[in-house]
Amino acid sequence: METVKYKISQAIRYLGDSSFYPFFPLYLSVILGYKEDTIGLVLMILPLVGMIANIIFSISAKNINFNRIFMIIMTLIEGILIIILMQVTDLPIIILMVFFLAVIGQPFYSLFDGYTAVYSAQSNDNYSKIRLYGSLGYAVGALISGYVTRHLGYHYAFYAAAGFFIILSFVLYFIKPLDLKEELRLKPNAKELLKNKKYVKFAIFYVISLSSLFLGGAFLGTYFDFKGLGSDILGIVTFVGVIMEIIVLTIYAKWGHKFKTVWIMLSIVATNFIIFFTYSFNVSKYVIMSVALIRAIGMGGLLYIGVEYIKANVKRKNITLAITLYTSLRFLVYSLLVFGSGYFIVDFGYYSFYLMVSLLSLTALFFIDYKPSYDIIKNEEKI
């Protein structure tokens, strides 16, 4: 029954996420009329402020059960902030509201992933099978919100997102605190974690790969609009892509331990490169929609190894810290890239931008450990 609560939480969280965050840049562009440079500035705030908030929340928690309390409060406030954000149109106030959203909303993901990862390790449940419900919620939310934003208005989708976040707060309240065994009562040890060469190298790979994927996705809505594709098409493509992502994640959840991690990582780099390199050419909208779907391979792989690798190679007391550190680093890298990219697109256009992103994705190849020992070993923890 407890695992069911985690699955419901994942579904609700990502229902809300996909009803707001993917369509927010389009809202700024289509409804409020802001250019890409301004959109880049606004989008930069989320990861940059989130990085600092991530560290603060992680340090503030005496143990992992304090993170549960933080999450209950954070998602409730996040929902309220989205409602308030829909009432304003002036850029300075929008920036202020997005700042507060970043403080509250962005740290939620690493805390939630860390809490769920520790629960899955304690209960011998597969994290990927729990995370599947988040992907399913994201797919359904994107499909419905794509239609709603196109035919009814952005406010309806955003109010729905706020409602999901508020409901999640109550669901999380009924999740039981984790059993604090001796190791989990200990404070995380950053020095110990950073001496783990496998973790450090993997963290850099993860940051580059996910930053590339999210950077390309940050302007996907406005790129679709540039290519004559509406928000409803974006919703459909996102829905189908996430359904494919669920299939990929299901395969990894069942047979992932049989795959060599190096091949999973290479597939992530390859799909990122193919997608964004294709976008750098003036191809038809049908090619764009088709190529967008292979994102499932890269994202599915990242969702799988992003937690399973950490569970296998990091001590349990350091799991949340490990996720928080590479998430914070990704926030920093992504925020700087998305800020500069807005101006880059205004000066050089979308085709040059996506060529840049495709080349960036290839740099992750330098941080793959090609040794056979790099494979994930299930249920084995290492320093």
Protein backbone atom coordinates (compact mmCIF):
# COMPACT_ATOMS: atom_id res chain seq x y z
CA MET A 1 0.00 0.00 0.00
CA GLU A 2 2.85 2.37 0.81
CA THR A 3 4.36 1.91 -2.67
CA VAL A 4 0.97 2.83 -4.17
CA LYS A 5 1.16 6.19 -2.36
CA TYR A 6 4.53 6.88 -3.98
CA LYS A 7 3.15 5.97 -7.41
CA ILE A 8 0.15 8.26 -6.94
CA SER A 9 2.47 11.05 -5.77
CA GLN A 10 4.62 10.66 -8.87
CA ALA A 11 1.57 10.75 -11.17
CA ILE A 12 0.07 13.85 -9.54
CA ARG A 13 3.38 15.73 -9.40
CA TYR A 14 4.08 15.28 -13.08
CA LEU A 15 0.48 15.91 -14.09
CA GLY A 16 0.96 19.35 -12.56
CA ASP A 17 4.45 19.75 -13.96
CA SER A 18 3.43 19.04 -17.58
CA SER A 19 0.37 21.26 -17.30
CA PHE A 20 2.47 24.32 -16.51
CA TYR A 21 6.24 24.28 -17.10
CA PRO A 22 6.39 23.13 -20.79
CA PHE A 23 3.77 25.71 -21.80
CA PHE A 24 5.01 28.64 -19.70
CA PRO A 25 7.56 29.84 -22.34
CA LEU A 26 4.80 29.73 -24.97
CA TYR A 27 2.53 31.70 -22.64
CA LEU A 28 5.20 34.38 -22.29
CA SER A 29 5.66 34.50 -26.07
CA VAL A 30 2.18 34.00 -27.54
CA ILE A 31 -0.01 35.60 -24.86
CA LEU A 32 2.25 38.24 -23.30
CA GLY A 33 4.34 38.93 -26.43
CA TYR A 34 7.85 38.66 -24.96
CA LYS A 35 10.86 37.87 -27.20
CA GLU A 36 13.26 34.95 -26.77
CA ASP A 37 15.89 37.05 -24.96
CA THR A 38 13.35 38.03 -22.29
CA ILE A 39 12.03 34.45 -22.10
CA GLY A 40 15.59 33.22 -21.62
CA LEU A 41 16.05 35.67 -18.75
CA VAL A 42 12.86 34.47 -17.04
CA LEU A 43 13.67 30.79 -17.58
CA MET A 44 17.20 31.29 -16.21
CA ILE A 45 15.76 32.25 -12.83
CA LEU A 46 14.21 28.83 -12.20
CA PRO A 47 17.40 26.72 -12.25
CA LEU A 48 19.78 29.40 -10.96
CA VAL A 49 17.76 30.23 -7.85
CA GLY A 50 16.77 26.57 -7.58
CA MET A 51 20.43 25.60 -7.33
CA ILE A 52 20.95 27.77 -4.25
CA ALA A 53 17.63 26.72 -2.71
CA ASN A 54 18.51 23.07 -3.34
CA ILE A 55 21.67 23.34 -1.27
CA ILE A 56 19.96 25.29 1.51
CA PHE A 57 17.12 22.78 1.89
CA SER A 58 19.56 19.87 1.80
CA ILE A 59 21.77 21.37 4.52
CA SER A 60 18.78 22.43 6.64
CA ALA A 61 17.39 18.90 6.99
CA LYS A 62 18.57 17.09 10.14
CA ASN A 63 17.74 13.78 8.44
CA ILE A 64 15.86 12.56 5.40
CA ASN A 65 12.44 12.66 7.11
CA PHE A 66 12.73 16.43 7.40
CA ASN A 67 12.72 16.44 3.59
CA ARG A 68 9.21 14.99 3.68
CA ILE A 69 8.02 17.96 5.74
CA PHE A 70 9.72 20.35 3.35
CA MET A 71 8.02 18.69 0.36
CA ILE A 72 4.53 18.92 1.90
CA ILE A 73 4.94 22.66 2.44
CA MET A 74 6.77 23.36 -0.84
CA THR A 75 4.25 21.85 -3.24
CA LEU A 76 1.35 23.59 -1.46
CA ILE A 77 3.03 27.00 -1.81
CA GLU A 78 4.02 26.22 -5.42
CA GLY A 79 0.38 25.74 -6.36
CA ILE A 80 -0.63 29.02 -4.72
CA LEU A 81 2.21 30.89 -6.47
CA ILE A 82 1.08 29.67 -9.91
CA ILE A 83 -2.42 31.00 -9.22
CA ILE A 84 -0.96 34.39 -8.27
CA LEU A 85 1.36 34.38 -11.31
CA MET A 86 -1.66 34.11 -13.63
CA GLN A 87 -2.95 37.45 -12.31
CA VAL A 88 0.08 39.52 -13.38
CA THR A 89 1.46 40.70 -16.74
CA ASP A 90 4.23 43.17 -15.83
CA LEU A 91 7.70 41.71 -16.37
CA PRO A 92 9.23 42.78 -13.01
CA ILE A 93 6.37 41.14 -11.11
CA ILE A 94 6.55 38.02 -13.30
CA ILE A 95 10.29 37.78 -12.55
CA LEU A 96 9.59 38.15 -8.82
CA MET A 97 6.94 35.42 -8.90
CA VAL A 98 9.19 33.09 -10.91
CA PHE A 99 11.92 33.74 -8.34
CA PHE A 100 9.61 32.54 -5.56
CA LEU A 101 8.55 29.57 -7.72
CA ALA A 102 12.21 28.64 -8.11
CA VAL A 103 12.88 28.81 -4.37
CA ILE A 104 9.94 26.53 -3.61
CA GLY A 105 9.45 24.38 -6.70
CA GLN A 106 12.89 23.51 -8.06
CA PRO A 107 14.37 21.83 -4.94
CA PHE A 108 11.29 19.61 -4.73
CA TYR A 109 12.54 17.28 -7.47
CA SER A 110 15.85 16.29 -5.87
CA LEU A 111 14.23 15.93 -2.45
CA PHE A 112 11.44 13.80 -3.93
CA ASP A 113 13.84 11.66 -5.97
CA GLY A 114 16.14 11.17 -2.98
CA TYR A 115 13.29 10.28 -0.63
CA THR A 116 11.80 7.84 -3.15
CA ALA A 117 15.20 6.30 -3.90
CA VAL A 118 15.85 5.58 -0.21
CA TYR A 119 12.33 4.15 0.19
CA SER A 120 12.81 1.88 -2.83
CA ALA A 121 16.16 0.69 -1.45
CA GLN A 122 14.63 -0.05 1.96
CA SER A 123 11.58 -1.82 0.55
CA ASN A 124 13.45 -3.61 -2.27
CA ASP A 125 11.15 -1.92 -4.79
CA ASN A 126 12.47 -0.89 -8.18
CA TYR A 127 12.72 2.91 -8.36
CA SER A 128 12.12 2.87 -12.11
CA LYS A 129 8.77 1.12 -11.67
CA ILE A 130 7.66 3.85 -9.28
CA ARG A 131 8.97 6.62 -11.54
CA LEU A 132 6.96 5.18 -14.46
CA TYR A 133 3.85 6.68 -12.95
CA GLY A 134 5.46 10.11 -13.04
CA SER A 135 6.12 9.71 -16.76
CA LEU A 136 2.55 8.54 -17.31
CA GLY A 137 1.22 11.59 -15.44
CA TYR A 138 3.47 13.84 -17.50
CA ALA A 139 2.22 12.32 -20.77
CA VAL A 140 -1.46 12.70 -19.87
CA GLY A 141 -0.95 16.24 -18.56
CA ALA A 142 0.93 17.35 -21.69
CA LEU A 143 -1.70 15.91 -24.04
CA ILE A 144 -4.67 17.48 -22.24
CA SER A 145 -2.92 20.79 -21.59
CA GLY A 146 -1.84 21.06 -25.22
CA TYR A 147 -5.48 20.93 -26.26
CA VAL A 148 -6.64 23.19 -23.44
CA THR A 149 -4.03 25.91 -24.10
CA ARG A 150 -4.85 25.90 -27.81
CA HIS A 151 -8.65 25.87 -27.63
CA LEU A 152 -9.61 27.19 -24.16
CA GLY A 153 -6.69 29.22 -22.91
CA TYR A 154 -3.44 28.92 -20.95
CA HIS A 155 -5.02 29.96 -17.67
CA TYR A 156 -7.20 26.84 -17.50
CA ALA A 157 -4.19 24.53 -17.85
CA PHE A 158 -2.17 26.53 -15.34
CA TYR A 159 -4.95 26.56 -12.76
CA ALA A 160 -5.20 22.78 -13.17
CA ALA A 161 -1.45 22.51 -12.54
CA ALA A 162 -1.83 24.56 -9.36
CA GLY A 163 -4.65 22.25 -8.24
CA PHE A 164 -2.50 19.16 -8.76
CA PHE A 165 0.36 20.63 -6.72
CA ILE A 166 -1.98 21.51 -3.86
CA ILE A 167 -3.55 18.02 -3.92
CA LEU A 168 -0.06 16.48 -3.86
CA SER A 169 0.64 18.22 -0.56
CA PHE A 170 -2.18 16.24 1.07
CA VAL A 171 -1.08 12.96 -0.54
CA LEU A 172 2.47 13.40 0.74
CA TYR A 173 1.10 13.98 4.25
CA PHE A 174 -0.15 10.38 4.28
CA ILE A 175 3.19 8.91 3.19
CA LYS A 176 4.86 7.37 6.23
CA PRO A 177 8.20 8.71 7.47
CA LEU A 178 11.11 6.47 6.50
CA ASP A 179 12.58 3.98 8.94
CA LEU A 180 15.69 5.76 10.18
CA LYS A 181 18.17 2.95 10.53
CA GLU A 182 21.58 3.74 11.96
CA GLU A 183 23.11 4.85 8.65
CA LEU A 184 20.21 7.16 7.79
CA ARG A 185 20.47 8.86 11.18
CA LEU A 186 23.94 10.04 10.18
CA LYS A 187 24.45 13.37 8.47
CA PRO A 188 25.48 13.13 4.79
CA ASN A 189 29.23 13.36 4.26
CA ALA A 190 30.11 15.61 1.30
CA LYS A 191 33.86 14.97 1.53
CA GLU A 192 33.32 11.23 1.44
CA LEU A 193 31.00 11.59 -1.54
CA LEU A 194 33.35 13.81 -3.55
CA LYS A 195 36.19 11.32 -3.09
CA ASN A 196 34.05 8.82 -4.99
CA LYS A 197 35.57 9.14 -8.48
CA LYS A 198 32.80 7.09 -10.07
CA TYR A 199 30.19 9.45 -8.69
CA VAL A 200 32.04 12.62 -9.76
CA LYS A 201 32.59 11.42 -13.32
CA PHE A 202 29.02 10.19 -13.62
CA ALA A 203 27.67 13.46 -12.20
CA ILE A 204 29.45 15.48 -14.92
CA PHE A 205 28.09 13.16 -17.62
CA TYR A 206 24.60 13.47 -16.18
CA VAL A 207 24.78 17.28 -15.93
CA ILE A 208 25.92 17.69 -19.55
CA SER A 209 23.40 15.22 -20.95
CA LEU A 210 20.37 16.47 -19.03
CA SER A 211 21.32 20.14 -19.48
CA SER A 212 21.55 19.59 -23.25
CA LEU A 213 18.20 17.83 -23.29
CA PHE A 214 16.47 20.48 -21.18
CA LEU A 215 18.16 23.38 -22.98
CA GLY A 216 16.86 22.16 -26.32
CA GLY A 217 13.46 21.56 -24.75
CA ALA A 218 13.29 25.01 -23.12
CA PHE A 219 12.74 26.69 -26.49
CA LEU A 220 10.93 23.78 -28.15
CA GLY A 221 7.53 25.45 -27.76
CA THR A 222 8.66 28.67 -29.42
CA TYR A 223 10.59 26.65 -32.04
CA PHE A 224 7.38 24.75 -32.86
CA ASP A 225 5.59 28.09 -33.15
CA PHE A 226 8.40 29.32 -35.46
CA LYS A 227 7.85 26.22 -37.62
CA GLY A 228 4.08 26.75 -37.71
CA LEU A 229 3.17 24.10 -35.13
CA GLY A 230 0.74 25.07 -32.35
CA SER A 231 0.64 24.22 -28.65
CA ASP A 232 -1.81 21.38 -29.35
CA ILE A 233 0.77 19.70 -31.61
CA LEU A 234 3.40 20.25 -28.93
CA GLY A 235 1.09 18.53 -26.45
CA ILE A 236 0.50 15.55 -28.77
CA VAL A 237 4.21 15.13 -29.56
CA THR A 238 5.05 15.37 -25.86
CA PHE A 239 2.35 12.82 -25.01
CA VAL A 240 3.51 10.26 -27.59
CA GLY A 241 7.15 10.88 -26.67
CA VAL A 242 6.53 10.29 -22.97
CA ILE A 243 4.51 7.14 -23.71
CA MET A 244 7.57 5.89 -25.60
CA GLU A 245 9.69 7.01 -22.65
CA ILE A 246 7.50 4.85 -20.38
CA ILE A 247 8.13 1.87 -22.66
CA VAL A 248 11.89 2.48 -22.53
CA LEU A 249 11.78 2.91 -18.74
CA THR A 250 9.71 -0.28 -18.38
CA ILE A 251 12.35 -2.20 -20.34
CA TYR A 252 15.11 -0.80 -18.15
CA ALA A 253 13.11 -1.47 -14.98
CA LYS A 254 12.84 -5.15 -15.87
CA TRP A 255 16.06 -5.87 -17.73
CA GLY A 256 18.22 -2.78 -17.10
CA HIS A 257 20.74 -4.70 -14.99
CA LYS A 258 21.49 -6.86 -18.04
CA PHE A 259 22.53 -3.84 -20.14
CA LYS A 260 26.06 -2.52 -19.93
CA THR A 261 25.88 0.99 -18.49
CA VAL A 262 28.34 2.26 -21.08
CA TRP A 263 25.86 1.37 -23.86
CA ILE A 264 23.00 3.09 -22.04
CA MET A 265 25.14 6.21 -21.69
CA LEU A 266 26.20 6.12 -25.35
CA SER A 267 22.56 5.80 -26.41
CA ILE A 268 21.74 8.91 -24.37
CA VAL A 269 24.45 10.95 -26.10
CA ALA A 270 23.52 9.61 -29.54
CA THR A 271 19.82 10.43 -29.28
CA ASN A 272 20.49 13.93 -27.91
CA PHE A 273 22.84 14.63 -30.80
CA ILE A 274 20.51 13.25 -33.49
CA ILE A 275 17.51 15.26 -32.26
CA PHE A 276 19.19 18.64 -32.02
CA PHE A 277 21.41 18.20 -35.07
CA THR A 278 18.25 17.51 -37.08
CA TYR A 279 16.60 20.64 -35.68
CA SER A 280 19.57 22.67 -36.96
CA PHE A 281 18.38 22.14 -40.54
CA ASN A 282 15.32 23.54 -42.28
CA VAL A 283 13.47 20.22 -42.34
CA SER A 284 9.73 19.65 -42.63
CA LYS A 285 7.46 19.75 -39.61
CA TYR A 286 6.81 16.02 -40.01
CA VAL A 287 10.52 15.27 -39.63
CA ILE A 288 10.64 17.54 -36.57
CA MET A 289 7.72 15.73 -34.93
CA SER A 290 9.18 12.29 -35.76
CA VAL A 291 12.66 13.06 -34.48
CA ALA A 292 11.24 14.57 -31.28
CA LEU A 293 9.92 11.14 -30.34
CA ILE A 294 13.37 9.50 -30.02
CA ARG A 295 13.93 11.78 -27.02
CA ALA A 296 12.33 8.85 -25.18
CA ILE A 297 15.52 6.80 -25.50
CA GLY A 298 17.73 9.44 -23.96
CA MET A 299 15.33 10.58 -21.26
CA GLY A 300 14.37 7.02 -20.35
CA GLY A 301 18.03 6.13 -19.99
CA LEU A 302 18.73 9.18 -17.83
CA LEU A 303 15.77 8.47 -15.56
CA TYR A 304 16.99 4.90 -15.09
CA ILE A 305 20.71 5.38 -14.45
CA GLY A 306 20.26 8.73 -12.71
CA VAL A 307 18.98 7.00 -9.57
CA GLU A 308 19.84 3.31 -9.99
CA TYR A 309 23.53 4.10 -10.47
CA ILE A 310 23.55 6.29 -7.37
CA LYS A 311 21.77 3.61 -5.32
CA ALA A 312 24.39 1.07 -6.36
CA ASN A 313 27.50 3.19 -5.90
CA VAL A 314 26.74 5.66 -3.10
CA LYS A 315 26.05 4.97 0.60
CA ARG A 316 22.40 5.40 1.58
CA LYS A 317 23.12 8.30 3.92
CA ASN A 318 24.61 10.17 0.94
CA ILE A 319 21.96 9.35 -1.70
CA THR A 320 19.91 12.54 -1.32
CA LEU A 321 23.09 14.64 -1.09
CA ALA A 322 24.46 12.96 -4.24
CA ILE A 323 21.27 13.74 -6.17
CA THR A 324 21.14 17.27 -4.73
CA LEU A 325 24.73 18.02 -5.74
CA TYR A 326 24.45 16.97 -9.36
CA THR A 327 21.00 18.56 -9.60
CA SER A 328 22.39 21.84 -8.24
CA LEU A 329 25.29 21.72 -10.69
CA ARG A 330 22.85 21.05 -13.52
CA PHE A 331 20.75 24.02 -12.38
CA LEU A 332 23.82 26.27 -12.54
CA VAL A 333 24.96 25.06 -15.97
CA TYR A 334 21.45 25.07 -17.40
CA SER A 335 20.61 28.54 -16.07
CA LEU A 336 23.68 30.12 -17.67
CA LEU A 337 23.05 28.31 -20.95
CA VAL A 338 19.35 29.14 -21.17
CA PHE A 339 20.03 32.81 -20.36
CA GLY A 340 22.64 33.12 -23.10
CA SER A 341 20.57 31.07 -25.54
CA GLY A 342 17.71 33.56 -25.56
CA TYR A 343 20.04 36.27 -26.87
CA PHE A 344 21.77 33.75 -29.16
CA ILE A 345 18.47 32.84 -30.84
CA VAL A 346 17.55 36.50 -31.35
CA ASP A 347 20.92 37.17 -33.07
CA PHE A 348 21.56 33.89 -34.91
CA GLY A 349 18.26 32.03 -35.10
CA TYR A 350 16.99 28.61 -34.08
CA TYR A 351 19.05 26.57 -36.55
CA SER A 352 22.37 27.82 -35.18
CA PHE A 353 21.08 27.39 -31.63
CA TYR A 354 20.23 23.73 -32.11
CA LEU A 355 23.56 23.09 -33.84
CA MET A 356 25.25 24.49 -30.72
CA VAL A 357 23.14 22.24 -28.46
CA SER A 358 23.94 19.15 -30.55
CA LEU A 359 27.69 19.81 -30.24
CA LEU A 360 27.34 20.43 -26.50
CA SER A 361 25.67 17.05 -26.07
CA LEU A 362 28.71 15.30 -27.60
CA THR A 363 31.02 16.57 -24.83
CA ALA A 364 29.38 14.08 -22.46
CA LEU A 365 31.36 11.36 -24.27
CA PHE A 366 34.51 12.50 -22.43
CA PHE A 367 32.97 11.62 -19.06
CA ILE A 368 31.91 8.06 -19.77
CA ASP A 369 34.01 5.42 -18.04
CA TYR A 370 34.47 2.80 -20.73
CA LYS A 371 35.82 0.19 -18.32
CA PRO A 372 33.68 -2.96 -17.89
CA SER A 373 33.56 -2.42 -14.12
CA TYR A 374 31.39 0.64 -14.71
CA ASP A 375 28.23 -1.52 -15.02
CA ILE A 376 25.45 -1.11 -12.49
CA ILE A 377 25.50 -3.90 -9.92
CA LYS A 378 22.09 -4.21 -8.33
CA ASN A 379 21.83 -4.12 -4.54
CA GLU A 380 25.54 -3.48 -4.04
CA GLU A 381 26.52 -0.25 -2.32
CA LYS A 382 29.95 1.24 -2.62
CA ILE A 383 31.77 4.20 -1.16
